């Protein structure tokens, strides 16, 4: 009896356990005999974070198509802003202005070289001639000392001798000196015009070159603004090349004008020193002419005195 009762108790306990397992399986949706849901949850839930992450990535502003990282880079053509390339890219009128200013600058440096050689050689000749006639007693002696040299002192001596020869036999020395002084002044003025040749061109270049360059700049900037209106953009990369080409004209104008003004002032001082030497030569020849006139009168007085003595002795 006791054994049967124990078997019945065990069977009742197993039935209760099976009923409890069936009830729990119905609550979780898992059929009996399969693994509990806690073991399968990580396998089925793993793709969900990836999907959510992908969704968040698609909706994130950092990875959107309109983000700065994803934006396409617009290619910008870079212009070479060297002086030669700017000259080639400039307008026809601006090119003409630049070429004219470059030619004016070339003339300026040519005048500098030519006038420097001319004035330095002329000053050396004048100083040498003044030293040679400093000890001469007459114009004929001074002309012999100079020799057949073509310089302003020789021209002054020739003019003095010619005037003395043309005025021979006249009693008034003041008239001879006045006419000779007029000849000397003409020679000095002609020499001043000769040595100042090219100075007017330097003054013109120095005064007008900046304004000519400014005209080229204004024309180039005007074309740049017309290009801005056509392209409908105010990007500096589009505007800068045209403005740089225009400003190059002003730079060339200043490069031509500044040396011209400096060289003009330099030659003004050098020419003044040269004309002072010419004035010294004019004074030296005038003194020689005055000596010759006084000597001729002295000779005439001696002749008259000798002739008078001879007449007196003959009368006695």
C-alpha atoms as a PDB file:
ATOM      1  CA  UNK A   1       0.000   0.000   0.000  1.00  0.00           C
ATOM      2  CA  UNK A   2       2.731   2.398   0.868  1.00  0.00           C
ATOM      3  CA  UNK A   3       4.566   1.642  -2.392  1.00  0.00           C
ATOM      4  CA  UNK A   4       1.443   2.261  -4.517  1.00  0.00           C
ATOM      5  CA  UNK A   5       0.832   5.496  -2.690  1.00  0.00           C
ATOM      6  CA  UNK A   6       4.415   6.684  -3.416  1.00  0.00           C
ATOM      7  CA  UNK A   7       4.087   5.849  -7.145  1.00  0.00           C
ATOM      8  CA  UNK A   8       0.846   7.795  -7.365  1.00  0.00           C
ATOM      9  CA  UNK A   9       2.451  10.793  -5.690  1.00  0.00           C
ATOM     10  CA  UNK A  10       5.365  10.820  -8.187  1.00  0.00           C
ATOM     11  CA  UNK A  11       2.950  10.537 -11.150  1.00  0.00           C
ATOM     12  CA  UNK A  12       0.893  13.444  -9.818  1.00  0.00           C
ATOM     13  CA  UNK A  13       4.023  15.574  -9.403  1.00  0.00           C
ATOM     14  CA  UNK A  14       5.139  14.862 -13.004  1.00  0.00           C
ATOM     15  CA  UNK A  15       1.676  15.766 -14.283  1.00  0.00           C
ATOM     16  CA  UNK A  16       1.783  19.070 -12.442  1.00  0.00           C
ATOM     17  CA  UNK A  17       5.214  19.855 -13.859  1.00  0.00           C
ATOM     18  CA  UNK A  18       4.096  19.128 -17.429  1.00  0.00           C
ATOM     19  CA  UNK A  19       1.030  21.282 -17.009  1.00  0.00           C
ATOM     20  CA  UNK A  20       3.162  24.190 -15.704  1.00  0.00           C
ATOM     21  CA  UNK A  21       5.569  23.854 -18.684  1.00  0.00           C
ATOM     22  CA  UNK A  22       2.639  23.864 -21.157  1.00  0.00           C
ATOM     23  CA  UNK A  23       1.195  26.984 -19.558  1.00  0.00           C
ATOM     24  CA  UNK A  24       4.523  28.872 -19.726  1.00  0.00           C
ATOM     25  CA  UNK A  25       5.010  27.840 -23.399  1.00  0.00           C
ATOM     26  CA  UNK A  26       1.628  29.298 -24.355  1.00  0.00           C
ATOM     27  CA  UNK A  27       2.482  32.616 -22.650  1.00  0.00           C
ATOM     28  CA  UNK A  28       5.847  33.066 -24.529  1.00  0.00           C
ATOM     29  CA  UNK A  29       4.695  31.760 -27.960  1.00  0.00           C
ATOM     30  CA  UNK A  30       7.362  29.045 -28.033  1.00  0.00           C
ATOM     31  CA  UNK A  31       6.232  25.505 -28.611  1.00  0.00           C
ATOM     32  CA  UNK A  32       7.196  22.996 -26.069  1.00  0.00           C
ATOM     33  CA  UNK A  33      10.525  21.264 -26.680  1.00  0.00           C
ATOM     34  CA  UNK A  34      12.247  24.327 -28.154  1.00  0.00           C
ATOM     35  CA  UNK A  35      14.795  26.606 -26.514  1.00  0.00           C
ATOM     36  CA  UNK A  36      13.493  29.372 -24.380  1.00  0.00           C
ATOM     37  CA  UNK A  37      13.217  32.852 -26.009  1.00  0.00           C
ATOM     38  CA  UNK A  38      16.148  34.256 -23.998  1.00  0.00           C
ATOM     39  CA  UNK A  39      18.591  32.116 -25.997  1.00  0.00           C
ATOM     40  CA  UNK A  40      17.192  33.104 -29.493  1.00  0.00           C
ATOM     41  CA  UNK A  41      16.761  36.832 -28.745  1.00  0.00           C
ATOM     42  CA  UNK A  42      20.330  37.946 -29.525  1.00  0.00           C
ATOM     43  CA  UNK A  43      20.182  36.213 -32.964  1.00  0.00           C
ATOM     44  CA  UNK A  44      16.922  37.864 -34.112  1.00  0.00           C
ATOM     45  CA  UNK A  45      17.603  41.300 -32.540  1.00  0.00           C
ATOM     46  CA  UNK A  46      21.170  41.738 -33.934  1.00  0.00           C
ATOM     47  CA  UNK A  47      20.205  43.197 -37.396  1.00  0.00           C
ATOM     48  CA  UNK A  48      17.886  45.817 -35.840  1.00  0.00           C
ATOM     49  CA  UNK A  49      20.679  48.142 -34.502  1.00  0.00           C
ATOM     50  CA  UNK A  50      22.385  48.057 -37.937  1.00  0.00           C
ATOM     51  CA  UNK A  51      19.146  49.065 -39.624  1.00  0.00           C
ATOM     52  CA  UNK A  52      18.578  51.865 -37.144  1.00  0.00           C
ATOM     53  CA  UNK A  53      22.183  52.980 -37.516  1.00  0.00           C
ATOM     54  CA  UNK A  54      21.814  53.042 -41.288  1.00  0.00           C
ATOM     55  CA  UNK A  55      18.635  55.057 -40.971  1.00  0.00           C
ATOM     56  CA  UNK A  56      20.328  57.507 -38.635  1.00  0.00           C
ATOM     57  CA  UNK A  57      23.253  57.781 -41.022  1.00  0.00           C
ATOM     58  CA  UNK A  58      20.940  58.521 -43.945  1.00  0.00           C
ATOM     59  CA  UNK A  59      19.135  61.186 -41.966  1.00  0.00           C
ATOM     60  CA  UNK A  60      22.325  62.727 -40.475  1.00  0.00           C
ATOM     61  CA  UNK A  61      23.308  66.185 -41.942  1.00  0.00           C
ATOM     62  CA  UNK A  62      26.986  65.239 -41.817  1.00  0.00           C
ATOM     63  CA  UNK A  63      26.527  62.446 -44.412  1.00  0.00           C
ATOM     64  CA  UNK A  64      23.739  63.953 -46.482  1.00  0.00           C
ATOM     65  CA  UNK A  65      24.239  64.674 -50.183  1.00  0.00           C
ATOM     66  CA  UNK A  66      24.198  68.435 -49.578  1.00  0.00           C
ATOM     67  CA  UNK A  67      26.970  68.357 -46.934  1.00  0.00           C
ATOM     68  CA  UNK A  68      30.296  70.209 -47.590  1.00  0.00           C
ATOM     69  CA  UNK A  69      32.195  66.904 -47.622  1.00  0.00           C
ATOM     70  CA  UNK A  70      29.918  65.426 -50.258  1.00  0.00           C
ATOM     71  CA  UNK A  71      29.715  68.656 -52.314  1.00  0.00           C
ATOM     72  CA  UNK A  72      31.448  68.636 -55.667  1.00  0.00           C
ATOM     73  CA  UNK A  73      34.482  70.947 -56.066  1.00  0.00           C
ATOM     74  CA  UNK A  74      34.018  73.465 -58.886  1.00  0.00           C
ATOM     75  CA  UNK A  75      37.248  73.765 -60.912  1.00  0.00           C
ATOM     76  CA  UNK A  76      38.662  77.330 -61.071  1.00  0.00           C
ATOM     77  CA  UNK A  77      40.967  78.295 -63.920  1.00  0.00           C
ATOM     78  CA  UNK A  78      44.013  80.101 -62.510  1.00  0.00           C
ATOM     79  CA  UNK A  79      45.417  82.920 -64.672  1.00  0.00           C
ATOM     80  CA  UNK A  80      49.151  83.447 -64.802  1.00  0.00           C
ATOM     81  CA  UNK A  81      49.628  87.062 -63.708  1.00  0.00           C
ATOM     82  CA  UNK A  82      53.134  87.646 -65.038  1.00  0.00           C
ATOM     83  CA  UNK A  83      53.757  90.963 -66.856  1.00  0.00           C
ATOM     84  CA  UNK A  84      54.164  89.280 -70.242  1.00  0.00           C
ATOM     85  CA  UNK A  85      51.003  87.171 -69.906  1.00  0.00           C
ATOM     86  CA  UNK A  86      49.044  90.229 -68.751  1.00  0.00           C
ATOM     87  CA  UNK A  87      50.320  92.168 -71.769  1.00  0.00           C
ATOM     88  CA  UNK A  88      49.258  89.380 -74.141  1.00  0.00           C
ATOM     89  CA  UNK A  89      45.795  89.156 -72.546  1.00  0.00           C
ATOM     90  CA  UNK A  90      45.198  92.932 -72.549  1.00  0.00           C
ATOM     91  CA  UNK A  91      42.894  94.853 -74.875  1.00  0.00           C
ATOM     92  CA  UNK A  92      44.257  96.149 -78.208  1.00  0.00           C
ATOM     93  CA  UNK A  93      44.117  99.786 -77.071  1.00  0.00           C
ATOM     94  CA  UNK A  94      45.805  98.952 -73.759  1.00  0.00           C
ATOM     95  CA  UNK A  95      48.514  97.076 -75.674  1.00  0.00           C
ATOM     96  CA  UNK A  96      49.076 100.148 -77.873  1.00  0.00           C
ATOM     97  CA  UNK A  97      49.414 102.322 -74.770  1.00  0.00           C
ATOM     98  CA  UNK A  98      51.914  99.908 -73.218  1.00  0.00           C
ATOM     99  CA  UNK A  99      53.998  99.738 -76.405  1.00  0.00           C
ATOM    100  CA  UNK A 100      54.052 103.535 -76.692  1.00  0.00           C
ATOM    101  CA  UNK A 101      55.152 103.928 -73.088  1.00  0.00           C
ATOM    102  CA  UNK A 102      57.848 101.278 -73.524  1.00  0.00           C
ATOM    103  CA  UNK A 103      59.144 103.134 -76.593  1.00  0.00           C
ATOM    104  CA  UNK A 104      59.161 106.403 -74.619  1.00  0.00           C
ATOM    105  CA  UNK A 105      61.166 104.711 -71.877  1.00  0.00           C
ATOM    106  CA  UNK A 106      63.639 103.434 -74.482  1.00  0.00           C
ATOM    107  CA  UNK A 107      64.018 106.988 -75.822  1.00  0.00           C
ATOM    108  CA  UNK A 108      64.675 108.255 -72.308  1.00  0.00           C
ATOM    109  CA  UNK A 109      67.562 105.863 -71.710  1.00  0.00           C
ATOM    110  CA  UNK A 110      68.937 106.495 -75.209  1.00  0.00           C
ATOM    111  CA  UNK A 111      68.988 110.241 -74.556  1.00  0.00           C
ATOM    112  CA  UNK A 112      70.694 109.622 -71.222  1.00  0.00           C
ATOM    113  CA  UNK A 113      73.544 107.675 -72.837  1.00  0.00           C
ATOM    114  CA  UNK A 114      73.938 109.969 -75.859  1.00  0.00           C
ATOM    115  CA  UNK A 115      73.784 113.251 -73.935  1.00  0.00           C
ATOM    116  CA  UNK A 116      76.124 112.002 -71.226  1.00  0.00           C
ATOM    117  CA  UNK A 117      78.779 111.169 -73.835  1.00  0.00           C
ATOM    118  CA  UNK A 118      78.204 114.416 -75.726  1.00  0.00           C
ATOM    119  CA  UNK A 119      78.319 116.738 -72.726  1.00  0.00           C
ATOM    120  CA  UNK A 120      81.281 115.073 -71.063  1.00  0.00           C
ATOM    121  CA  UNK A 121      83.305 115.209 -74.303  1.00  0.00           C
ATOM    122  CA  UNK A 122      82.255 118.828 -74.931  1.00  0.00           C
ATOM    123  CA  UNK A 123      83.291 119.924 -71.435  1.00  0.00           C
ATOM    124  CA  UNK A 124      86.692 118.304 -71.858  1.00  0.00           C
ATOM    125  CA  UNK A 125      87.236 120.089 -75.195  1.00  0.00           C
ATOM    126  CA  UNK A 126      86.165 123.436 -73.770  1.00  0.00           C
ATOM    127  CA  UNK A 127      88.452 123.186 -70.740  1.00  0.00           C
ATOM    128  CA  UNK A 128      91.376 122.208 -72.966  1.00  0.00           C
ATOM    129  CA  UNK A 129      90.696 125.112 -75.349  1.00  0.00           C
ATOM    130  CA  UNK A 130      90.402 127.604 -72.495  1.00  0.00           C
ATOM    131  CA  UNK A 131      93.754 126.468 -71.131  1.00  0.00           C
ATOM    132  CA  UNK A 132      95.391 126.920 -74.533  1.00  0.00           C
ATOM    133  CA  UNK A 133      94.104 130.462 -75.152  1.00  0.00           C
ATOM    134  CA  UNK A 134      94.693 131.642 -71.588  1.00  0.00           C
ATOM    135  CA  UNK A 135      98.285 132.692 -72.399  1.00  0.00           C
ATOM    136  CA  UNK A 136      97.622 133.947 -75.949  1.00  0.00           C
ATOM    137  CA  UNK A 137      98.324 137.650 -76.651  1.00  0.00           C
ATOM    138  CA  UNK A 138      96.119 137.985 -79.726  1.00  0.00           C
ATOM    139  CA  UNK A 139      93.305 136.228 -81.530  1.00  0.00           C
ATOM    140  CA  UNK A 140      95.628 135.089 -84.289  1.00  0.00           C
ATOM    141  CA  UNK A 141      97.957 133.537 -81.727  1.00  0.00           C
ATOM    142  CA  UNK A 142      95.018 131.847 -79.963  1.00  0.00           C
ATOM    143  CA  UNK A 143      93.727 130.483 -83.267  1.00  0.00           C
ATOM    144  CA  UNK A 144      97.168 129.109 -84.050  1.00  0.00           C
ATOM    145  CA  UNK A 145      97.327 127.472 -80.597  1.00  0.00           C
ATOM    146  CA  UNK A 146      93.952 125.781 -81.046  1.00  0.00           C
ATOM    147  CA  UNK A 147      94.578 124.547 -84.555  1.00  0.00           C
ATOM    148  CA  UNK A 148      91.833 123.436 -86.946  1.00  0.00           C
ATOM    149  CA  UNK A 149      89.525 122.123 -84.242  1.00  0.00           C
ATOM    150  CA  UNK A 150      85.784 122.331 -84.557  1.00  0.00           C
ATOM    151  CA  UNK A 151      84.561 123.581 -81.195  1.00  0.00           C
ATOM    152  CA  UNK A 152      82.744 126.595 -79.857  1.00  0.00           C
ATOM    153  CA  UNK A 153      85.935 128.482 -78.907  1.00  0.00           C
ATOM    154  CA  UNK A 154      87.248 128.134 -82.459  1.00  0.00           C
ATOM    155  CA  UNK A 155      83.923 129.448 -83.750  1.00  0.00           C
ATOM    156  CA  UNK A 156      84.155 132.441 -81.400  1.00  0.00           C
ATOM    157  CA  UNK A 157      87.710 133.219 -82.565  1.00  0.00           C
ATOM    158  CA  UNK A 158      86.687 132.985 -86.221  1.00  0.00           C
ATOM    159  CA  UNK A 159      83.778 135.346 -85.626  1.00  0.00           C
ATOM    160  CA  UNK A 160      86.014 137.869 -83.810  1.00  0.00           C
ATOM    161  CA  UNK A 161      88.662 137.830 -86.535  1.00  0.00           C
ATOM    162  CA  UNK A 162      86.030 138.173 -89.249  1.00  0.00           C
ATOM    163  CA  UNK A 163      84.429 141.144 -87.570  1.00  0.00           C
ATOM    164  CA  UNK A 164      87.806 142.817 -86.982  1.00  0.00           C
ATOM    165  CA  UNK A 165      88.695 142.342 -90.652  1.00  0.00           C
ATOM    166  CA  UNK A 166      85.330 143.694 -91.839  1.00  0.00           C
ATOM    167  CA  UNK A 167      85.585 146.685 -89.491  1.00  0.00           C
ATOM    168  CA  UNK A 168      89.158 147.577 -90.468  1.00  0.00           C
ATOM    169  CA  UNK A 169      89.738 151.297 -90.930  1.00  0.00           C
ATOM    170  CA  UNK A 170      86.917 152.361 -88.592  1.00  0.00           C
ATOM    171  CA  UNK A 171      87.815 154.773 -85.837  1.00  0.00           C
ATOM    172  CA  UNK A 172      85.185 153.621 -83.296  1.00  0.00           C
ATOM    173  CA  UNK A 173      86.230 150.622 -81.216  1.00  0.00           C
ATOM    174  CA  UNK A 174      82.918 150.499 -79.391  1.00  0.00           C
ATOM    175  CA  UNK A 175      81.087 149.696 -82.620  1.00  0.00           C
ATOM    176  CA  UNK A 176      83.468 146.850 -83.390  1.00  0.00           C
ATOM    177  CA  UNK A 177      83.119 145.402 -79.900  1.00  0.00           C
ATOM    178  CA  UNK A 178      79.335 145.686 -80.054  1.00  0.00           C
ATOM    179  CA  UNK A 179      79.113 143.884 -83.374  1.00  0.00           C
ATOM    180  CA  UNK A 180      81.545 141.211 -82.199  1.00  0.00           C
ATOM    181  CA  UNK A 181      79.523 140.750 -78.977  1.00  0.00           C
ATOM    182  CA  UNK A 182      76.394 140.260 -81.098  1.00  0.00           C
ATOM    183  CA  UNK A 183      78.162 137.537 -83.102  1.00  0.00           C
ATOM    184  CA  UNK A 184      79.378 135.879 -79.892  1.00  0.00           C
ATOM    185  CA  UNK A 185      75.844 135.898 -78.428  1.00  0.00           C
ATOM    186  CA  UNK A 186      74.461 134.214 -81.555  1.00  0.00           C
ATOM    187  CA  UNK A 187      77.124 131.497 -81.368  1.00  0.00           C
ATOM    188  CA  UNK A 188      76.421 130.964 -77.638  1.00  0.00           C
ATOM    189  CA  UNK A 189      72.662 130.682 -78.242  1.00  0.00           C
ATOM    190  CA  UNK A 190      73.194 128.205 -81.070  1.00  0.00           C
ATOM    191  CA  UNK A 191      75.437 126.118 -78.813  1.00  0.00           C
ATOM    192  CA  UNK A 192      72.818 126.232 -76.039  1.00  0.00           C
ATOM    193  CA  UNK A 193      70.141 124.999 -78.457  1.00  0.00           C
ATOM    194  CA  UNK A 194      72.430 122.226 -79.623  1.00  0.00           C
ATOM    195  CA  UNK A 195      73.253 120.914 -76.153  1.00  0.00           C
ATOM    196  CA  UNK A 196      69.605 121.148 -75.078  1.00  0.00           C
ATOM    197  CA  UNK A 197      68.496 118.953 -77.951  1.00  0.00           C
ATOM    198  CA  UNK A 198      66.420 116.115 -76.475  1.00  0.00           C
ATOM    199  CA  UNK A 199      65.643 117.911 -73.223  1.00  0.00           C
ATOM    200  CA  UNK A 200      62.190 118.874 -74.465  1.00  0.00           C
ATOM    201  CA  UNK A 201      61.431 115.235 -75.237  1.00  0.00           C
ATOM    202  CA  UNK A 202      62.456 114.248 -71.713  1.00  0.00           C
ATOM    203  CA  UNK A 203      60.187 116.934 -70.267  1.00  0.00           C
ATOM    204  CA  UNK A 204      57.282 115.767 -72.437  1.00  0.00           C
ATOM    205  CA  UNK A 205      57.724 112.126 -71.416  1.00  0.00           C
ATOM    206  CA  UNK A 206      58.005 113.015 -67.735  1.00  0.00           C
ATOM    207  CA  UNK A 207      54.866 115.154 -67.841  1.00  0.00           C
ATOM    208  CA  UNK A 208      52.562 113.020 -69.996  1.00  0.00           C
ATOM    209  CA  UNK A 209      53.582 109.368 -69.431  1.00  0.00           C
ATOM    210  CA  UNK A 210      51.629 108.951 -66.126  1.00  0.00           C
ATOM    211  CA  UNK A 211      48.444 110.287 -67.736  1.00  0.00           C
ATOM    212  CA  UNK A 212      48.850 108.087 -70.805  1.00  0.00           C
ATOM    213  CA  UNK A 213      49.256 105.067 -68.515  1.00  0.00           C
ATOM    214  CA  UNK A 214      46.210 106.175 -66.521  1.00  0.00           C
ATOM    215  CA  UNK A 215      44.194 106.325 -69.745  1.00  0.00           C
ATOM    216  CA  UNK A 216      45.143 102.712 -70.464  1.00  0.00           C
ATOM    217  CA  UNK A 217      44.167 101.741 -66.921  1.00  0.00           C
ATOM    218  CA  UNK A 218      40.769 103.418 -67.157  1.00  0.00           C
ATOM    219  CA  UNK A 219      40.084 101.721 -70.468  1.00  0.00           C
ATOM    220  CA  UNK A 220      41.090  98.307 -69.102  1.00  0.00           C
ATOM    221  CA  UNK A 221      38.977  98.661 -65.946  1.00  0.00           C
ATOM    222  CA  UNK A 222      36.018  99.718 -68.058  1.00  0.00           C
ATOM    223  CA  UNK A 223      36.392  96.527 -70.103  1.00  0.00           C
ATOM    224  CA  UNK A 224      36.635  94.528 -66.856  1.00  0.00           C
ATOM    225  CA  UNK A 225      33.333  95.944 -65.630  1.00  0.00           C
ATOM    226  CA  UNK A 226      31.735  95.153 -68.977  1.00  0.00           C
ATOM    227  CA  UNK A 227      32.987  91.567 -68.571  1.00  0.00           C
ATOM    228  CA  UNK A 228      31.482  91.445 -65.046  1.00  0.00           C
ATOM    229  CA  UNK A 229      28.096  92.518 -66.386  1.00  0.00           C
ATOM    230  CA  UNK A 230      28.238  89.866 -69.108  1.00  0.00           C
ATOM    231  CA  UNK A 231      29.339  87.031 -66.827  1.00  0.00           C
ATOM    232  CA  UNK A 232      26.860  88.080 -64.095  1.00  0.00           C
ATOM    233  CA  UNK A 233      29.347  87.352 -61.331  1.00  0.00           C
ATOM    234  CA  UNK A 234      31.356  89.396 -58.882  1.00  0.00           C
ATOM    235  CA  UNK A 235      33.884  86.678 -58.128  1.00  0.00           C
ATOM    236  CA  UNK A 236      37.300  88.241 -57.578  1.00  0.00           C
ATOM    237  CA  UNK A 237      38.976  85.450 -59.529  1.00  0.00           C
ATOM    238  CA  UNK A 238      37.034  86.562 -62.612  1.00  0.00           C
ATOM    239  CA  UNK A 239      37.625  90.290 -62.130  1.00  0.00           C
ATOM    240  CA  UNK A 240      41.263  90.265 -60.956  1.00  0.00           C
ATOM    241  CA  UNK A 241      43.045  89.437 -64.265  1.00  0.00           C
ATOM    242  CA  UNK A 242      41.407  92.302 -66.165  1.00  0.00           C
ATOM    243  CA  UNK A 243      42.118  94.812 -63.411  1.00  0.00           C
ATOM    244  CA  UNK A 244      45.732  93.632 -63.141  1.00  0.00           C
ATOM    245  CA  UNK A 245      46.194  94.049 -66.908  1.00  0.00           C
ATOM    246  CA  UNK A 246      44.790  97.574 -66.664  1.00  0.00           C
ATOM    247  CA  UNK A 247      47.017  98.539 -63.747  1.00  0.00           C
ATOM    248  CA  UNK A 248      50.055  97.325 -65.687  1.00  0.00           C
ATOM    249  CA  UNK A 249      49.609 100.304 -68.040  1.00  0.00           C
ATOM    250  CA  UNK A 250      49.887 102.737 -65.123  1.00  0.00           C
ATOM    251  CA  UNK A 251      52.963 100.902 -63.843  1.00  0.00           C
ATOM    252  CA  UNK A 252      54.672 101.211 -67.233  1.00  0.00           C
ATOM    253  CA  UNK A 253      53.707 104.890 -67.404  1.00  0.00           C
ATOM    254  CA  UNK A 254      55.312 105.569 -64.041  1.00  0.00           C
ATOM    255  CA  UNK A 255      58.367 103.521 -65.044  1.00  0.00           C
ATOM    256  CA  UNK A 256      58.756 105.789 -68.092  1.00  0.00           C
ATOM    257  CA  UNK A 257      57.964 109.109 -66.357  1.00  0.00           C
ATOM    258  CA  UNK A 258      60.056 108.887 -63.176  1.00  0.00           C
ATOM    259  CA  UNK A 259      63.432 108.274 -64.911  1.00  0.00           C
ATOM    260  CA  UNK A 260      62.588 110.956 -67.497  1.00  0.00           C
ATOM    261  CA  UNK A 261      62.056 113.580 -64.798  1.00  0.00           C
ATOM    262  CA  UNK A 262      65.238 112.585 -62.936  1.00  0.00           C
ATOM    263  CA  UNK A 263      67.327 112.572 -66.131  1.00  0.00           C
ATOM    264  CA  UNK A 264      65.877 115.943 -67.191  1.00  0.00           C
ATOM    265  CA  UNK A 265      66.870 117.536 -63.880  1.00  0.00           C
ATOM    266  CA  UNK A 266      70.336 115.974 -64.128  1.00  0.00           C
ATOM    267  CA  UNK A 267      70.915 117.325 -67.634  1.00  0.00           C
ATOM    268  CA  UNK A 268      69.623 120.733 -66.608  1.00  0.00           C
ATOM    269  CA  UNK A 269      72.482 121.007 -64.115  1.00  0.00           C
ATOM    270  CA  UNK A 270      75.069 119.555 -66.516  1.00  0.00           C
ATOM    271  CA  UNK A 271      73.946 121.831 -69.361  1.00  0.00           C
ATOM    272  CA  UNK A 272      74.151 124.861 -67.110  1.00  0.00           C
ATOM    273  CA  UNK A 273      77.754 123.987 -66.211  1.00  0.00           C
ATOM    274  CA  UNK A 274      78.591 123.502 -69.914  1.00  0.00           C
ATOM    275  CA  UNK A 275      77.078 126.859 -70.882  1.00  0.00           C
ATOM    276  CA  UNK A 276      79.104 128.522 -68.144  1.00  0.00           C
ATOM    277  CA  UNK A 277      82.237 127.206 -69.871  1.00  0.00           C
ATOM    278  CA  UNK A 278      80.938 128.611 -73.171  1.00  0.00           C
ATOM    279  CA  UNK A 279      80.447 131.968 -71.456  1.00  0.00           C
ATOM    280  CA  UNK A 280      84.012 131.821 -70.204  1.00  0.00           C
ATOM    281  CA  UNK A 281      85.232 131.183 -73.753  1.00  0.00           C
ATOM    282  CA  UNK A 282      83.136 134.088 -75.013  1.00  0.00           C
ATOM    283  CA  UNK A 283      84.707 136.393 -72.413  1.00  0.00           C
ATOM    284  CA  UNK A 284      88.221 135.187 -73.246  1.00  0.00           C
ATOM    285  CA  UNK A 285      87.764 135.875 -76.975  1.00  0.00           C
ATOM    286  CA  UNK A 286      86.251 139.301 -76.199  1.00  0.00           C
ATOM    287  CA  UNK A 287      89.355 140.204 -74.191  1.00  0.00           C
ATOM    288  CA  UNK A 288      91.615 139.072 -77.023  1.00  0.00           C
ATOM    289  CA  UNK A 289      89.637 141.215 -79.459  1.00  0.00           C
ATOM    290  CA  UNK A 290      89.951 144.224 -77.157  1.00  0.00           C
ATOM    291  CA  UNK A 291      93.727 143.718 -76.937  1.00  0.00           C
ATOM    292  CA  UNK A 292      94.004 143.502 -80.696  1.00  0.00           C
ATOM    293  CA  UNK A 293      92.035 146.721 -81.113  1.00  0.00           C
ATOM    294  CA  UNK A 294      94.136 148.560 -78.543  1.00  0.00           C
ATOM    295  CA  UNK A 295      97.322 147.228 -80.109  1.00  0.00           C
ATOM    296  CA  UNK A 296      96.215 148.348 -83.550  1.00  0.00           C
ATOM    297  CA  UNK A 297      95.511 151.858 -82.251  1.00  0.00           C
ATOM    298  CA  UNK A 298      98.887 151.904 -80.549  1.00  0.00           C
ATOM    299  CA  UNK A 299     100.567 150.917 -83.786  1.00  0.00           C
ATOM    300  CA  UNK A 300      98.673 153.622 -85.638  1.00  0.00           C
ATOM    301  CA  UNK A 301      99.722 156.207 -83.031  1.00  0.00           C
ATOM    302  CA  UNK A 302     103.335 155.117 -83.372  1.00  0.00           C
ATOM    303  CA  UNK A 303     103.105 155.421 -87.132  1.00  0.00           C
ATOM    304  CA  UNK A 304     101.497 158.832 -86.892  1.00  0.00           C
ATOM    305  CA  UNK A 305     104.150 159.987 -84.440  1.00  0.00           C
ATOM    306  CA  UNK A 306     106.955 158.686 -86.657  1.00  0.00           C
ATOM    307  CA  UNK A 307     105.368 160.248 -89.713  1.00  0.00           C
ATOM    308  CA  UNK A 308     105.047 163.564 -87.872  1.00  0.00           C
ATOM    309  CA  UNK A 309     108.681 163.483 -86.808  1.00  0.00           C
ATOM    310  CA  UNK A 310     109.774 162.769 -90.319  1.00  0.00           C
ATOM    311  CA  UNK A 311     107.713 165.645 -91.646  1.00  0.00           C
ATOM    312  CA  UNK A 312     109.143 167.996 -88.986  1.00  0.00           C
ATOM    313  CA  UNK A 313     112.714 167.028 -89.752  1.00  0.00           C
ATOM    314  CA  UNK A 314     112.073 167.449 -93.444  1.00  0.00           C
ATOM    315  CA  UNK A 315     110.660 170.947 -92.840  1.00  0.00           C
ATOM    316  CA  UNK A 316     113.703 171.975 -90.898  1.00  0.00           C
END
